[in-house]
Amino acid sequence: MIELTKAVTVDGRTELVDSLIATSEAVNLIDAKNMSIVDSIMNKGLGLNLTPQSYKTIWIVIDHASLEKQEQYLPLMEKWSQDGLIGKDEYAVLYDRVAMKNNRPQRYGSQTVQFGINNNTQLYVYPVENPNLLDSLRASVGLSSMADYLELLTKTTGIDAKYNPEISIEQLNTMQNEDKN
């Protein structure tokens, strides 16, 4: 069972803290340290004959990095995907994440947003550039169809995942803010 609160002693006082927030902060610190290591490696130049796992590890670190770092390394990740060093699906996920963080439509439909409306959790695929080409674009990078992706999301989250090609970013943002008011 996950402990949602834990007792922490600070300056002689014991207080309960949200352990999920503490965990999130710890993960952010680890991600920052990992990105520092990747930056150092990249600045010195990659050695020859890295293992496939090494390339994937670098991609994972970049995928969890700040938007600034994701944007910095996105062109390299595209090249690596074209060269077969990382999966095209991995590049697609990073591409979509950068687009979403920049409030732009994503290309491959890999990113979702979760929010509450009337105390019901909603899970929507973030808007995409070209809904008419979505499944063919997903297939071109090795991702499943949107229908299969929605089914997987619903099964793994327990939330009815939705994709509406008619919803704009502005409309989705309005929906997200409805329950906050």
C-alpha atoms as a PDB file:
ATOM      1  CA  MET A   1       0.000   0.000   0.000  1.00  0.00           C
ATOM      2  CA  ILE A   2       1.279   3.488  -0.862  1.00  0.00           C
ATOM      3  CA  GLU A   3       1.616   5.826   2.082  1.00  0.00           C
ATOM      4  CA  LEU A   4       0.053   9.149   1.065  1.00  0.00           C
ATOM      5  CA  THR A   5       1.303  11.068   4.074  1.00  0.00           C
ATOM      6  CA  LYS A   6       4.360  10.678   6.187  1.00  0.00           C
ATOM      7  CA  ALA A   7       5.698  12.287   9.327  1.00  0.00           C
ATOM      8  CA  VAL A   8       8.675  14.555   8.811  1.00  0.00           C
ATOM      9  CA  THR A   9      10.586  16.295  11.571  1.00  0.00           C
ATOM     10  CA  VAL A  10      11.761  19.811  10.766  1.00  0.00           C
ATOM     11  CA  ASP A  11      13.343  22.076  13.393  1.00  0.00           C
ATOM     12  CA  GLY A  12      12.130  19.791  16.169  1.00  0.00           C
ATOM     13  CA  ARG A  13       8.519  19.804  14.946  1.00  0.00           C
ATOM     14  CA  THR A  14       6.884  16.747  13.446  1.00  0.00           C
ATOM     15  CA  GLU A  15       4.498  17.477  10.583  1.00  0.00           C
ATOM     16  CA  LEU A  16       2.573  15.373   8.132  1.00  0.00           C
ATOM     17  CA  VAL A  17       3.495  15.966   4.515  1.00  0.00           C
ATOM     18  CA  ASP A  18       2.006  14.692   1.304  1.00  0.00           C
ATOM     19  CA  SER A  19       4.417  11.916   0.344  1.00  0.00           C
ATOM     20  CA  LEU A  20       3.360  12.140  -3.316  1.00  0.00           C
ATOM     21  CA  ILE A  21       4.574  15.739  -3.415  1.00  0.00           C
ATOM     22  CA  ALA A  22       7.790  14.740  -1.673  1.00  0.00           C
ATOM     23  CA  THR A  23       8.233  11.879  -4.130  1.00  0.00           C
ATOM     24  CA  SER A  24       7.594  14.212  -7.065  1.00  0.00           C
ATOM     25  CA  GLU A  25      10.231  16.622  -5.757  1.00  0.00           C
ATOM     26  CA  ALA A  26      12.711  13.755  -5.364  1.00  0.00           C
ATOM     27  CA  VAL A  27      12.022  12.581  -8.924  1.00  0.00           C
ATOM     28  CA  ASN A  28      12.559  16.120 -10.209  1.00  0.00           C
ATOM     29  CA  LEU A  29      15.936  16.265  -8.446  1.00  0.00           C
ATOM     30  CA  ILE A  30      16.959  12.919  -9.934  1.00  0.00           C
ATOM     31  CA  ASP A  31      15.811  14.040 -13.395  1.00  0.00           C
ATOM     32  CA  ALA A  32      17.870  17.240 -13.075  1.00  0.00           C
ATOM     33  CA  LYS A  33      20.976  15.301 -12.010  1.00  0.00           C
ATOM     34  CA  ASN A  34      20.514  12.849 -14.876  1.00  0.00           C
ATOM     35  CA  MET A  35      20.138  15.727 -17.343  1.00  0.00           C
ATOM     36  CA  SER A  36      23.344  17.275 -16.028  1.00  0.00           C
ATOM     37  CA  ILE A  37      25.133  13.983 -16.714  1.00  0.00           C
ATOM     38  CA  VAL A  38      23.670  13.756 -20.227  1.00  0.00           C
ATOM     39  CA  ASP A  39      24.639  17.373 -20.956  1.00  0.00           C
ATOM     40  CA  SER A  40      28.184  16.621 -19.835  1.00  0.00           C
ATOM     41  CA  ILE A  41      28.365  13.510 -22.011  1.00  0.00           C
ATOM     42  CA  MET A  42      26.914  15.318 -25.015  1.00  0.00           C
ATOM     43  CA  ASN A  43      29.272  18.285 -24.594  1.00  0.00           C
ATOM     44  CA  LYS A  44      32.293  15.960 -24.522  1.00  0.00           C
ATOM     45  CA  GLY A  45      31.031  13.986 -27.498  1.00  0.00           C
ATOM     46  CA  LEU A  46      29.516  10.545 -27.509  1.00  0.00           C
ATOM     47  CA  GLY A  47      31.867   7.656 -27.718  1.00  0.00           C
ATOM     48  CA  LEU A  48      31.633   5.168 -30.529  1.00  0.00           C
ATOM     49  CA  ASN A  49      29.744   1.911 -30.281  1.00  0.00           C
ATOM     50  CA  LEU A  50      27.242   2.831 -27.592  1.00  0.00           C
ATOM     51  CA  THR A  51      24.759   0.103 -26.819  1.00  0.00           C
ATOM     52  CA  PRO A  52      21.143   0.495 -27.923  1.00  0.00           C
ATOM     53  CA  GLN A  53      20.235   0.752 -24.222  1.00  0.00           C
ATOM     54  CA  SER A  54      22.605   3.720 -23.844  1.00  0.00           C
ATOM     55  CA  TYR A  55      20.821   5.663 -26.595  1.00  0.00           C
ATOM     56  CA  LYS A  56      17.444   4.794 -25.096  1.00  0.00           C
ATOM     57  CA  THR A  57      18.624   5.888 -21.637  1.00  0.00           C
ATOM     58  CA  ILE A  58      19.726   9.256 -23.018  1.00  0.00           C
ATOM     59  CA  TRP A  59      16.331   9.615 -24.717  1.00  0.00           C
ATOM     60  CA  ILE A  60      14.512   8.804 -21.442  1.00  0.00           C
ATOM     61  CA  VAL A  61      16.518  11.446 -19.580  1.00  0.00           C
ATOM     62  CA  ILE A  62      15.738  14.036 -22.266  1.00  0.00           C
ATOM     63  CA  ASP A  63      12.080  12.978 -22.314  1.00  0.00           C
ATOM     64  CA  HIS A  64      11.907  13.783 -18.572  1.00  0.00           C
ATOM     65  CA  ALA A  65      13.908  17.004 -18.830  1.00  0.00           C
ATOM     66  CA  SER A  66      12.786  20.622 -18.887  1.00  0.00           C
ATOM     67  CA  LEU A  67      11.147  21.998 -22.000  1.00  0.00           C
ATOM     68  CA  GLU A  68      14.328  23.955 -22.742  1.00  0.00           C
ATOM     69  CA  LYS A  69      16.411  20.760 -22.793  1.00  0.00           C
ATOM     70  CA  GLN A  70      13.771  18.850 -24.750  1.00  0.00           C
ATOM     71  CA  GLU A  71      13.790  21.561 -27.411  1.00  0.00           C
ATOM     72  CA  GLN A  72      17.596  21.638 -27.444  1.00  0.00           C
ATOM     73  CA  TYR A  73      17.887  17.913 -28.107  1.00  0.00           C
ATOM     74  CA  LEU A  74      14.764  17.333 -30.241  1.00  0.00           C
ATOM     75  CA  PRO A  75      16.664  17.669 -33.573  1.00  0.00           C
ATOM     76  CA  LEU A  76      19.270  15.157 -32.377  1.00  0.00           C
ATOM     77  CA  MET A  77      16.531  12.755 -31.254  1.00  0.00           C
ATOM     78  CA  GLU A  78      14.956  13.045 -34.704  1.00  0.00           C
ATOM     79  CA  LYS A  79      18.301  12.169 -36.310  1.00  0.00           C
ATOM     80  CA  TRP A  80      18.789   9.259 -33.927  1.00  0.00           C
ATOM     81  CA  SER A  81      15.332   7.946 -34.789  1.00  0.00           C
ATOM     82  CA  GLN A  82      16.121   8.200 -38.505  1.00  0.00           C
ATOM     83  CA  ASP A  83      19.413   6.383 -37.909  1.00  0.00           C
ATOM     84  CA  GLY A  84      17.653   3.648 -35.912  1.00  0.00           C
ATOM     85  CA  LEU A  85      19.426   4.503 -32.643  1.00  0.00           C
ATOM     86  CA  ILE A  86      16.131   5.150 -30.859  1.00  0.00           C
ATOM     87  CA  GLY A  87      12.649   4.149 -31.891  1.00  0.00           C
ATOM     88  CA  LYS A  88      10.619   6.399 -34.144  1.00  0.00           C
ATOM     89  CA  ASP A  89       7.833   6.052 -31.590  1.00  0.00           C
ATOM     90  CA  GLU A  90      10.158   7.455 -28.918  1.00  0.00           C
ATOM     91  CA  TYR A  91      10.934  10.470 -31.083  1.00  0.00           C
ATOM     92  CA  ALA A  92       7.189  10.906 -31.746  1.00  0.00           C
ATOM     93  CA  VAL A  93       6.419  10.958 -28.012  1.00  0.00           C
ATOM     94  CA  LEU A  94       9.081  13.609 -27.403  1.00  0.00           C
ATOM     95  CA  TYR A  95       7.933  15.654 -30.406  1.00  0.00           C
ATOM     96  CA  ASP A  96       4.342  15.624 -29.137  1.00  0.00           C
ATOM     97  CA  ARG A  97       5.397  16.466 -25.583  1.00  0.00           C
ATOM     98  CA  VAL A  98       7.339  19.526 -26.785  1.00  0.00           C
ATOM     99  CA  ALA A  99       4.403  20.639 -28.947  1.00  0.00           C
ATOM    100  CA  MET A 100       1.951  20.274 -26.071  1.00  0.00           C
ATOM    101  CA  LYS A 101       4.201  22.139 -23.621  1.00  0.00           C
ATOM    102  CA  ASN A 102       4.358  24.950 -26.191  1.00  0.00           C
ATOM    103  CA  ASN A 103       0.553  24.997 -26.441  1.00  0.00           C
ATOM    104  CA  ARG A 104       0.677  23.712 -30.044  1.00  0.00           C
ATOM    105  CA  PRO A 105      -1.214  20.758 -31.502  1.00  0.00           C
ATOM    106  CA  GLN A 106       0.689  17.500 -31.373  1.00  0.00           C
ATOM    107  CA  ARG A 107       1.433  15.456 -34.486  1.00  0.00           C
ATOM    108  CA  TYR A 108       1.111  11.826 -33.359  1.00  0.00           C
ATOM    109  CA  GLY A 109      -1.531  11.998 -30.641  1.00  0.00           C
ATOM    110  CA  SER A 110       0.644  10.450 -27.930  1.00  0.00           C
ATOM    111  CA  GLN A 111      -0.036  12.993 -25.178  1.00  0.00           C
ATOM    112  CA  THR A 112      -3.098  13.232 -22.969  1.00  0.00           C
ATOM    113  CA  VAL A 113      -4.441  15.613 -20.361  1.00  0.00           C
ATOM    114  CA  GLN A 114      -6.344  14.599 -17.266  1.00  0.00           C
ATOM    115  CA  PHE A 115      -8.677  16.896 -15.365  1.00  0.00           C
ATOM    116  CA  GLY A 116     -11.932  16.914 -13.430  1.00  0.00           C
ATOM    117  CA  ILE A 117     -15.359  18.102 -14.512  1.00  0.00           C
ATOM    118  CA  ASN A 118     -18.082  17.961 -11.862  1.00  0.00           C
ATOM    119  CA  ASN A 119     -15.803  15.721  -9.776  1.00  0.00           C
ATOM    120  CA  ASN A 120     -15.459  13.217 -12.632  1.00  0.00           C
ATOM    121  CA  THR A 121     -11.975  12.571 -13.948  1.00  0.00           C
ATOM    122  CA  GLN A 122     -11.642  13.142 -17.671  1.00  0.00           C
ATOM    123  CA  LEU A 123      -8.824  11.892 -19.907  1.00  0.00           C
ATOM    124  CA  TYR A 124      -8.502  13.498 -23.337  1.00  0.00           C
ATOM    125  CA  VAL A 125      -5.965  13.112 -26.090  1.00  0.00           C
ATOM    126  CA  TYR A 126      -4.440  16.548 -26.576  1.00  0.00           C
ATOM    127  CA  PRO A 127      -5.459  18.131 -29.932  1.00  0.00           C
ATOM    128  CA  VAL A 128      -3.521  17.098 -33.047  1.00  0.00           C
ATOM    129  CA  GLU A 129      -2.303  18.969 -36.134  1.00  0.00           C
ATOM    130  CA  ASN A 130      -4.057  16.889 -38.747  1.00  0.00           C
ATOM    131  CA  PRO A 131      -6.797  14.556 -37.495  1.00  0.00           C
ATOM    132  CA  ASN A 132      -7.381  13.162 -40.995  1.00  0.00           C
ATOM    133  CA  LEU A 133      -3.838  11.790 -41.161  1.00  0.00           C
ATOM    134  CA  LEU A 134      -3.508  10.793 -37.510  1.00  0.00           C
ATOM    135  CA  ASP A 135      -3.657   7.007 -37.826  1.00  0.00           C
ATOM    136  CA  SER A 136      -1.295   6.961 -40.820  1.00  0.00           C
ATOM    137  CA  LEU A 137       1.162   9.243 -38.985  1.00  0.00           C
ATOM    138  CA  ARG A 138       0.952   7.024 -35.910  1.00  0.00           C
ATOM    139  CA  ALA A 139       1.560   3.924 -38.036  1.00  0.00           C
ATOM    140  CA  SER A 140       4.565   5.566 -39.726  1.00  0.00           C
ATOM    141  CA  VAL A 141       6.356   5.722 -36.355  1.00  0.00           C
ATOM    142  CA  GLY A 142       5.169   2.368 -35.032  1.00  0.00           C
ATOM    143  CA  LEU A 143       2.340   3.587 -32.811  1.00  0.00           C
ATOM    144  CA  SER A 144      -0.994   1.774 -32.668  1.00  0.00           C
ATOM    145  CA  SER A 145      -4.175   3.237 -34.137  1.00  0.00           C
ATOM    146  CA  MET A 146      -5.941   5.905 -32.098  1.00  0.00           C
ATOM    147  CA  ALA A 147      -8.796   3.485 -31.382  1.00  0.00           C
ATOM    148  CA  ASP A 148      -6.362   0.917 -29.972  1.00  0.00           C
ATOM    149  CA  TYR A 149      -4.530   3.621 -28.009  1.00  0.00           C
ATOM    150  CA  LEU A 150      -7.784   4.833 -26.442  1.00  0.00           C
ATOM    151  CA  GLU A 151      -8.649   1.270 -25.477  1.00  0.00           C
ATOM    152  CA  LEU A 152      -5.215   0.817 -23.882  1.00  0.00           C
ATOM    153  CA  LEU A 153      -5.475   4.122 -22.013  1.00  0.00           C
ATOM    154  CA  THR A 154      -8.919   3.205 -20.699  1.00  0.00           C
ATOM    155  CA  LYS A 155      -7.735  -0.222 -19.543  1.00  0.00           C
ATOM    156  CA  THR A 156      -4.580   1.056 -17.852  1.00  0.00           C
ATOM    157  CA  THR A 157      -6.080   4.151 -16.177  1.00  0.00           C
ATOM    158  CA  GLY A 158      -9.623   3.009 -15.476  1.00  0.00           C
ATOM    159  CA  ILE A 159     -10.791   6.290 -17.013  1.00  0.00           C
ATOM    160  CA  ASP A 160     -12.757   6.417 -20.253  1.00  0.00           C
ATOM    161  CA  ALA A 161     -10.144   7.963 -22.568  1.00  0.00           C
ATOM    162  CA  LYS A 162     -11.526  10.297 -25.215  1.00  0.00           C
ATOM    163  CA  TYR A 163     -10.301  11.697 -28.487  1.00  0.00           C
ATOM    164  CA  ASN A 164     -12.353  14.364 -30.202  1.00  0.00           C
ATOM    165  CA  PRO A 165     -10.723  15.728 -33.363  1.00  0.00           C
ATOM    166  CA  GLU A 166     -13.057  18.734 -33.222  1.00  0.00           C
ATOM    167  CA  ILE A 167     -11.776  20.035 -29.867  1.00  0.00           C
ATOM    168  CA  SER A 168      -9.279  22.887 -30.106  1.00  0.00           C
ATOM    169  CA  ILE A 169      -6.558  23.623 -27.582  1.00  0.00           C
ATOM    170  CA  GLU A 170      -8.548  26.640 -26.381  1.00  0.00           C
ATOM    171  CA  GLN A 171     -11.677  24.525 -25.856  1.00  0.00           C
ATOM    172  CA  LEU A 172      -9.697  21.864 -24.004  1.00  0.00           C
ATOM    173  CA  ASN A 173      -8.132  24.529 -21.776  1.00  0.00           C
ATOM    174  CA  THR A 174     -11.608  25.899 -21.014  1.00  0.00           C
ATOM    175  CA  MET A 175     -12.809  22.390 -20.117  1.00  0.00           C
ATOM    176  CA  GLN A 176      -9.806  21.930 -17.815  1.00  0.00           C
ATOM    177  CA  ASN A 177     -10.551  25.189 -16.031  1.00  0.00           C
ATOM    178  CA  GLU A 178     -14.275  24.506 -15.532  1.00  0.00           C
ATOM    179  CA  ASP A 179     -13.811  22.414 -12.406  1.00  0.00           C
ATOM    180  CA  LYS A 180     -11.257  24.828 -10.931  1.00  0.00           C
ATOM    181  CA  ASN A 181     -13.797  27.625 -10.596  1.00  0.00           C
END
